[in-house]
């Protein structure tokens, strides 16, 4: 009868009932992102194609320098 009562009713802490404690899983390793490509040497047309592939908004109104900054941060 004593075991059937919940720990809340007795004020005691719950204990494991003969089971071994669970083993911890190893921590997941972080996957590092690929290094950013140096886009500063590309032409404006090449930068525009890369910006289109990266779905950069407002790219049609950007200067070459703006495209370089947008692709560097994306």
PDB file of N, CA and C in Angstrom:
ATOM      1  N   UNK A   1       0.819  -1.189   0.000  1.00  0.00           N
ATOM      2  CA  UNK A   1       0.000   0.000   0.000  1.00  0.00           C
ATOM      3  C   UNK A   1       0.865   1.256   0.000  1.00  0.00           C
ATOM      4  N   UNK A   2       1.954   1.222   0.737  1.00  0.00           N
ATOM      5  CA  UNK A   2       2.814   2.392   0.840  1.00  0.00           C
ATOM      6  C   UNK A   2       3.386   2.782  -0.521  1.00  0.00           C
ATOM      7  N   UNK A   3       3.756   1.797  -1.316  1.00  0.00           N
ATOM      8  CA  UNK A   3       4.328   2.073  -2.629  1.00  0.00           C
ATOM      9  C   UNK A   3       3.293   2.601  -3.603  1.00  0.00           C
ATOM     10  N   UNK A   4       2.054   2.259  -3.427  1.00  0.00           N
ATOM     11  CA  UNK A   4       1.006   2.647  -4.355  1.00  0.00           C
ATOM     12  C   UNK A   4       0.699   4.133  -4.285  1.00  0.00           C
ATOM     13  N   UNK A   5       0.981   4.765  -3.180  1.00  0.00           N
ATOM     14  CA  UNK A   5       0.696   6.196  -3.056  1.00  0.00           C
ATOM     15  C   UNK A   5       1.694   6.992  -3.882  1.00  0.00           C
ATOM     16  N   UNK A   6       1.252   8.110  -4.368  1.00  0.00           N
ATOM     17  CA  UNK A   6       2.136   8.946  -5.178  1.00  0.00           C
ATOM     18  C   UNK A   6       3.092   9.704  -4.265  1.00  0.00           C
ATOM     19  N   UNK A   7       4.222  10.118  -4.781  1.00  0.00           N
ATOM     20  CA  UNK A   7       5.177  10.877  -3.958  1.00  0.00           C
ATOM     21  C   UNK A   7       4.599  12.213  -3.493  1.00  0.00           C
ATOM     22  N   UNK A   8       3.660  12.762  -4.248  1.00  0.00           N
ATOM     23  CA  UNK A   8       3.070  14.038  -3.860  1.00  0.00           C
ATOM     24  C   UNK A   8       2.261  13.908  -2.564  1.00  0.00           C
ATOM     25  N   UNK A   9       1.602  12.778  -2.428  1.00  0.00           N
ATOM     26  CA  UNK A   9       0.764  12.591  -1.257  1.00  0.00           C
ATOM     27  C   UNK A   9       1.594  12.441   0.019  1.00  0.00           C
ATOM     28  N   UNK A  10       2.760  11.841  -0.078  1.00  0.00           N
ATOM     29  CA  UNK A  10       3.578  11.614   1.110  1.00  0.00           C
ATOM     30  C   UNK A  10       4.586  12.721   1.346  1.00  0.00           C
ATOM     31  N   UNK A  11       4.838  13.528   0.311  1.00  0.00           N
ATOM     32  CA  UNK A  11       5.831  14.577   0.464  1.00  0.00           C
ATOM     33  C   UNK A  11       7.234  14.080   0.203  1.00  0.00           C
ATOM     34  N   UNK A  12       7.388  12.786  -0.100  1.00  0.00           N
ATOM     35  CA  UNK A  12       8.707  12.219  -0.386  1.00  0.00           C
ATOM     36  C   UNK A  12       9.053  12.453  -1.848  1.00  0.00           C
ATOM     37  N   UNK A  13      10.312  12.269  -2.134  1.00  0.00           N
ATOM     38  CA  UNK A  13      10.753  12.388  -3.516  1.00  0.00           C
ATOM     39  C   UNK A  13      10.585  11.047  -4.220  1.00  0.00           C
ATOM     40  N   UNK A  14      10.306  11.121  -5.491  1.00  0.00           N
ATOM     41  CA  UNK A  14      10.174   9.902  -6.276  1.00  0.00           C
ATOM     42  C   UNK A  14      11.554   9.293  -6.483  1.00  0.00           C
ATOM     43  N   UNK A  15      11.627   7.985  -6.489  1.00  0.00           N
ATOM     44  CA  UNK A  15      12.890   7.288  -6.707  1.00  0.00           C
ATOM     45  C   UNK A  15      12.746   6.357  -7.894  1.00  0.00           C
ATOM     46  N   UNK A  16      13.879   5.969  -8.442  1.00  0.00           N
ATOM     47  CA  UNK A  16      13.830   5.005  -9.535  1.00  0.00           C
ATOM     48  C   UNK A  16      13.563   3.639  -8.944  1.00  0.00           C
ATOM     49  N   UNK A  17      12.786   2.878  -9.626  1.00  0.00           N
ATOM     50  CA  UNK A  17      12.407   1.570  -9.080  1.00  0.00           C
ATOM     51  C   UNK A  17      13.291   0.479  -9.670  1.00  0.00           C
ATOM     52  N   UNK A  18      14.542   0.446  -9.227  1.00  0.00           N
ATOM     53  CA  UNK A  18      15.430  -0.627  -9.615  1.00  0.00           C
ATOM     54  C   UNK A  18      16.058  -0.441 -11.001  1.00  0.00           C
ATOM     55  N   UNK A  19      15.659   0.568 -11.735  1.00  0.00           N
ATOM     56  CA  UNK A  19      16.246   0.766 -13.058  1.00  0.00           C
ATOM     57  C   UNK A  19      17.568   1.512 -12.912  1.00  0.00           C
ATOM     58  N   UNK A  20      18.480   1.191 -13.773  1.00  0.00           N
ATOM     59  CA  UNK A  20      19.748   1.916 -13.782  1.00  0.00           C
ATOM     60  C   UNK A  20      19.490   3.305 -14.360  1.00  0.00           C
ATOM     61  N   UNK A  21      20.287   4.238 -13.932  1.00  0.00           N
ATOM     62  CA  UNK A  21      20.094   5.582 -14.451  1.00  0.00           C
ATOM     63  C   UNK A  21      20.410   5.602 -15.938  1.00  0.00           C
ATOM     64  N   UNK A  22      19.717   6.426 -16.657  1.00  0.00           N
ATOM     65  CA  UNK A  22      19.875   6.487 -18.106  1.00  0.00           C
ATOM     66  C   UNK A  22      21.246   7.050 -18.459  1.00  0.00           C
ATOM     67  N   UNK A  23      21.841   6.465 -19.483  1.00  0.00           N
ATOM     68  CA  UNK A  23      23.137   6.952 -19.940  1.00  0.00           C
ATOM     69  C   UNK A  23      22.922   8.192 -20.777  1.00  0.00           C
ATOM     70  N   UNK A  24      23.822   9.146 -20.622  1.00  0.00           N
ATOM     71  CA  UNK A  24      23.716  10.378 -21.392  1.00  0.00           C
ATOM     72  C   UNK A  24      24.198  10.124 -22.816  1.00  0.00           C
ATOM     73  N   UNK A  25      23.509  10.763 -23.756  1.00  0.00           N
ATOM     74  CA  UNK A  25      23.924  10.669 -25.147  1.00  0.00           C
ATOM     75  C   UNK A  25      25.095  11.616 -25.358  1.00  0.00           C
ATOM     76  N   UNK A  26      25.993  11.268 -26.252  1.00  0.00           N
ATOM     77  CA  UNK A  26      27.105  12.187 -26.516  1.00  0.00           C
ATOM     78  C   UNK A  26      26.592  13.464 -27.158  1.00  0.00           C
ATOM     79  N   UNK A  27      27.255  14.552 -26.882  1.00  0.00           N
ATOM     80  CA  UNK A  27      26.847  15.851 -27.421  1.00  0.00           C
ATOM     81  C   UNK A  27      27.004  15.859 -28.932  1.00  0.00           C
ATOM     82  N   UNK A  28      26.088  16.558 -29.601  1.00  0.00           N
ATOM     83  CA  UNK A  28      26.172  16.656 -31.051  1.00  0.00           C
ATOM     84  C   UNK A  28      27.296  17.608 -31.422  1.00  0.00           C
ATOM     85  N   UNK A  29      28.011  17.242 -32.466  1.00  0.00           N
ATOM     86  CA  UNK A  29      29.084  18.107 -32.928  1.00  0.00           C
ATOM     87  C   UNK A  29      28.513  19.178 -33.825  1.00  0.00           C
ATOM     88  N   UNK A  30      29.060  20.366 -33.709  1.00  0.00           N
ATOM     89  CA  UNK A  30      28.613  21.468 -34.546  1.00  0.00           C
ATOM     90  C   UNK A  30      29.219  21.328 -35.933  1.00  0.00           C
ATOM     91  N   UNK A  31      28.396  21.605 -36.903  1.00  0.00           N
ATOM     92  CA  UNK A  31      28.872  21.586 -38.271  1.00  0.00           C
ATOM     93  C   UNK A  31      29.187  23.021 -38.651  1.00  0.00           C
ATOM     94  N   UNK A  32      30.409  23.243 -39.036  1.00  0.00           N
ATOM     95  CA  UNK A  32      30.809  24.596 -39.398  1.00  0.00           C
ATOM     96  C   UNK A  32      30.369  24.886 -40.820  1.00  0.00           C
ATOM     97  N   UNK A  33      29.935  26.100 -41.030  1.00  0.00           N
ATOM     98  CA  UNK A  33      29.524  26.483 -42.368  1.00  0.00           C
ATOM     99  C   UNK A  33      30.756  26.662 -43.242  1.00  0.00           C
ATOM    100  N   UNK A  34      30.552  26.533 -44.513  1.00  0.00           N
ATOM    101  CA  UNK A  34      31.650  26.694 -45.455  1.00  0.00           C
ATOM    102  C   UNK A  34      32.135  28.133 -45.407  1.00  0.00           C
ATOM    103  N   UNK A  35      33.418  28.339 -45.617  1.00  0.00           N
ATOM    104  CA  UNK A  35      33.913  29.713 -45.604  1.00  0.00           C
ATOM    105  C   UNK A  35      33.265  30.526 -46.720  1.00  0.00           C
ATOM    106  N   UNK A  36      33.065  31.803 -46.446  1.00  0.00           N
ATOM    107  CA  UNK A  36      32.421  32.683 -47.415  1.00  0.00           C
ATOM    108  C   UNK A  36      33.305  32.826 -48.645  1.00  0.00           C
ATOM    109  N   UNK A  37      32.670  32.810 -49.808  1.00  0.00           N
ATOM    110  CA  UNK A  37      33.392  32.965 -51.062  1.00  0.00           C
ATOM    111  C   UNK A  37      33.761  34.435 -51.243  1.00  0.00           C
ATOM    112  N   UNK A  38      34.965  34.699 -51.725  1.00  0.00           N
ATOM    113  CA  UNK A  38      35.388  36.068 -51.974  1.00  0.00           C
ATOM    114  C   UNK A  38      34.766  36.524 -53.286  1.00  0.00           C
ATOM    115  N   UNK A  39      33.798  37.412 -53.199  1.00  0.00           N
ATOM    116  CA  UNK A  39      33.065  37.869 -54.373  1.00  0.00           C
ATOM    117  C   UNK A  39      33.546  39.233 -54.852  1.00  0.00           C
ATOM    118  N   UNK A  40      34.561  39.776 -54.227  1.00  0.00           N
ATOM    119  CA  UNK A  40      34.993  41.130 -54.574  1.00  0.00           C
ATOM    120  C   UNK A  40      35.635  41.204 -55.957  1.00  0.00           C
ATOM    121  N   UNK A  41      36.100  40.095 -56.497  1.00  0.00           N
ATOM    122  CA  UNK A  41      36.745  40.112 -57.798  1.00  0.00           C
ATOM    123  C   UNK A  41      35.810  39.823 -58.957  1.00  0.00           C
ATOM    124  N   UNK A  42      34.517  39.619 -58.672  1.00  0.00           N
ATOM    125  CA  UNK A  42      33.568  39.277 -59.729  1.00  0.00           C
ATOM    126  C   UNK A  42      33.019  40.528 -60.410  1.00  0.00           C
ATOM    127  N   UNK A  43      32.563  40.343 -61.646  1.00  0.00           N
ATOM    128  CA  UNK A  43      31.937  41.461 -62.357  1.00  0.00           C
ATOM    129  C   UNK A  43      30.530  41.688 -61.813  1.00  0.00           C
ATOM    130  N   UNK A  44      29.930  42.805 -62.187  1.00  0.00           N
ATOM    131  CA  UNK A  44      28.587  43.112 -61.700  1.00  0.00           C
ATOM    132  C   UNK A  44      27.584  42.077 -62.216  1.00  0.00           C
ATOM    133  N   UNK A  45      27.756  41.602 -63.445  1.00  0.00           N
ATOM    134  CA  UNK A  45      26.852  40.596 -64.008  1.00  0.00           C
ATOM    135  C   UNK A  45      26.946  39.285 -63.230  1.00  0.00           C
ATOM    136  N   UNK A  46      28.168  38.898 -62.881  1.00  0.00           N
ATOM    137  CA  UNK A  46      28.355  37.674 -62.099  1.00  0.00           C
ATOM    138  C   UNK A  46      27.776  37.841 -60.696  1.00  0.00           C
ATOM    139  N   UNK A  47      27.985  39.019 -60.121  1.00  0.00           N
ATOM    140  CA  UNK A  47      27.426  39.293 -58.798  1.00  0.00           C
ATOM    141  C   UNK A  47      25.904  39.257 -58.833  1.00  0.00           C
ATOM    142  N   UNK A  48      25.323  39.799 -59.894  1.00  0.00           N
ATOM    143  CA  UNK A  48      23.868  39.805 -60.025  1.00  0.00           C
ATOM    144  C   UNK A  48      23.326  38.380 -60.118  1.00  0.00           C
ATOM    145  N   UNK A  49      24.013  37.515 -60.865  1.00  0.00           N
ATOM    146  CA  UNK A  49      23.580  36.108 -60.976  1.00  0.00           C
ATOM    147  C   UNK A  49      23.639  35.422 -59.610  1.00  0.00           C
ATOM    148  N   UNK A  50      24.709  35.665 -58.869  1.00  0.00           N
ATOM    149  CA  UNK A  50      24.827  35.072 -57.527  1.00  0.00           C
ATOM    150  C   UNK A  50      23.765  35.624 -56.582  1.00  0.00           C
ATOM    151  N   UNK A  51      23.471  36.928 -56.703  1.00  0.00           N
ATOM    152  CA  UNK A  51      22.445  37.537 -55.858  1.00  0.00           C
ATOM    153  C   UNK A  51      21.072  36.974 -56.198  1.00  0.00           C
ATOM    154  N   UNK A  52      20.828  36.710 -57.475  1.00  0.00           N
ATOM    155  CA  UNK A  52      19.555  36.103 -57.876  1.00  0.00           C
ATOM    156  C   UNK A  52      19.442  34.694 -57.313  1.00  0.00           C
ATOM    157  N   UNK A  53      20.530  33.937 -57.347  1.00  0.00           N
ATOM    158  CA  UNK A  53      20.522  32.580 -56.798  1.00  0.00           C
ATOM    159  C   UNK A  53      20.337  32.595 -55.287  1.00  0.00           C
ATOM    160  N   UNK A  54      20.861  33.635 -54.627  1.00  0.00           N
ATOM    161  CA  UNK A  54      20.739  33.759 -53.170  1.00  0.00           C
ATOM    162  C   UNK A  54      19.445  34.455 -52.770  1.00  0.00           C
ATOM    163  N   UNK A  55      18.637  34.847 -53.756  1.00  0.00           N
ATOM    164  CA  UNK A  55      17.344  35.491 -53.524  1.00  0.00           C
ATOM    165  C   UNK A  55      17.494  36.794 -52.722  1.00  0.00           C
ATOM    166  N   UNK A  56      18.480  37.605 -53.117  1.00  0.00           N
ATOM    167  CA  UNK A  56      18.689  38.907 -52.491  1.00  0.00           C
ATOM    168  C   UNK A  56      17.638  39.865 -53.040  1.00  0.00           C
ATOM    169  N   UNK A  57      16.873  40.473 -52.160  1.00  0.00           N
ATOM    170  CA  UNK A  57      15.824  41.388 -52.624  1.00  0.00           C
ATOM    171  C   UNK A  57      16.418  42.756 -52.943  1.00  0.00           C
ATOM    172  N   UNK A  58      15.857  43.429 -53.950  1.00  0.00           N
ATOM    173  CA  UNK A  58      16.300  44.755 -54.336  1.00  0.00           C
ATOM    174  C   UNK A  58      17.577  44.755 -55.142  1.00  0.00           C
ATOM    175  N   UNK A  59      17.979  43.609 -55.655  1.00  0.00           N
ATOM    176  CA  UNK A  59      19.263  43.512 -56.344  1.00  0.00           C
ATOM    177  C   UNK A  59      19.316  44.302 -57.654  1.00  0.00           C
ATOM    178  N   UNK A  60      18.179  44.537 -58.295  1.00  0.00           N
ATOM    179  CA  UNK A  60      18.191  45.253 -59.571  1.00  0.00           C
ATOM    180  C   UNK A  60      18.555  46.729 -59.390  1.00  0.00           C
ATOM    181  N   UNK A  61      18.395  47.261 -58.202  1.00  0.00           N
ATOM    182  CA  UNK A  61      18.705  48.673 -57.934  1.00  0.00           C
ATOM    183  C   UNK A  61      20.057  48.847 -57.250  1.00  0.00           C
ATOM    184  N   UNK A  62      20.769  47.744 -57.001  1.00  0.00           N
ATOM    185  CA  UNK A  62      22.029  47.830 -56.263  1.00  0.00           C
ATOM    186  C   UNK A  62      23.200  48.113 -57.185  1.00  0.00           C
ATOM    187  N   UNK A  63      24.179  48.816 -56.637  1.00  0.00           N
ATOM    188  CA  UNK A  63      25.439  49.013 -57.345  1.00  0.00           C
ATOM    189  C   UNK A  63      26.291  47.765 -57.147  1.00  0.00           C
ATOM    190  N   UNK A  64      27.422  47.721 -57.819  1.00  0.00           N
ATOM    191  CA  UNK A  64      28.319  46.583 -57.683  1.00  0.00           C
ATOM    192  C   UNK A  64      28.770  46.431 -56.235  1.00  0.00           C
ATOM    193  N   UNK A  65      29.107  47.553 -55.598  1.00  0.00           N
ATOM    194  CA  UNK A  65      29.543  47.509 -54.201  1.00  0.00           C
ATOM    195  C   UNK A  65      28.424  47.030 -53.280  1.00  0.00           C
ATOM    196  N   UNK A  66      27.202  47.441 -53.558  1.00  0.00           N
ATOM    197  CA  UNK A  66      26.064  46.991 -52.764  1.00  0.00           C
ATOM    198  C   UNK A  66      25.866  45.474 -52.901  1.00  0.00           C
ATOM    199  N   UNK A  67      26.059  44.966 -54.123  1.00  0.00           N
ATOM    200  CA  UNK A  67      25.917  43.527 -54.340  1.00  0.00           C
ATOM    201  C   UNK A  67      26.993  42.751 -53.594  1.00  0.00           C
ATOM    202  N   UNK A  68      28.209  43.289 -53.586  1.00  0.00           N
ATOM    203  CA  UNK A  68      29.313  42.642 -52.845  1.00  0.00           C
ATOM    204  C   UNK A  68      28.976  42.581 -51.369  1.00  0.00           C
ATOM    205  N   UNK A  69      28.473  43.688 -50.812  1.00  0.00           N
ATOM    206  CA  UNK A  69      28.116  43.721 -49.382  1.00  0.00           C
ATOM    207  C   UNK A  69      26.972  42.757 -49.083  1.00  0.00           C
ATOM    208  N   UNK A  70      25.971  42.719 -49.958  1.00  0.00           N
ATOM    209  CA  UNK A  70      24.810  41.846 -49.734  1.00  0.00           C
ATOM    210  C   UNK A  70      25.212  40.380 -49.792  1.00  0.00           C
ATOM    211  N   UNK A  71      26.079  40.035 -50.728  1.00  0.00           N
ATOM    212  CA  UNK A  71      26.500  38.640 -50.850  1.00  0.00           C
ATOM    213  C   UNK A  71      27.486  38.252 -49.762  1.00  0.00           C
ATOM    214  N   UNK A  72      28.241  39.191 -49.259  1.00  0.00           N
ATOM    215  CA  UNK A  72      29.181  38.899 -48.181  1.00  0.00           C
ATOM    216  C   UNK A  72      28.462  38.616 -46.875  1.00  0.00           C
ATOM    217  N   UNK A  73      27.345  39.293 -46.651  1.00  0.00           N
ATOM    218  CA  UNK A  73      26.610  39.091 -45.406  1.00  0.00           C
ATOM    219  C   UNK A  73      25.609  37.961 -45.491  1.00  0.00           C
ATOM    220  N   UNK A  74      25.243  37.532 -46.673  1.00  0.00           N
ATOM    221  CA  UNK A  74      24.237  36.474 -46.852  1.00  0.00           C
ATOM    222  C   UNK A  74      24.804  35.112 -46.659  1.00  0.00           C
TER     223      UNK A  74
END
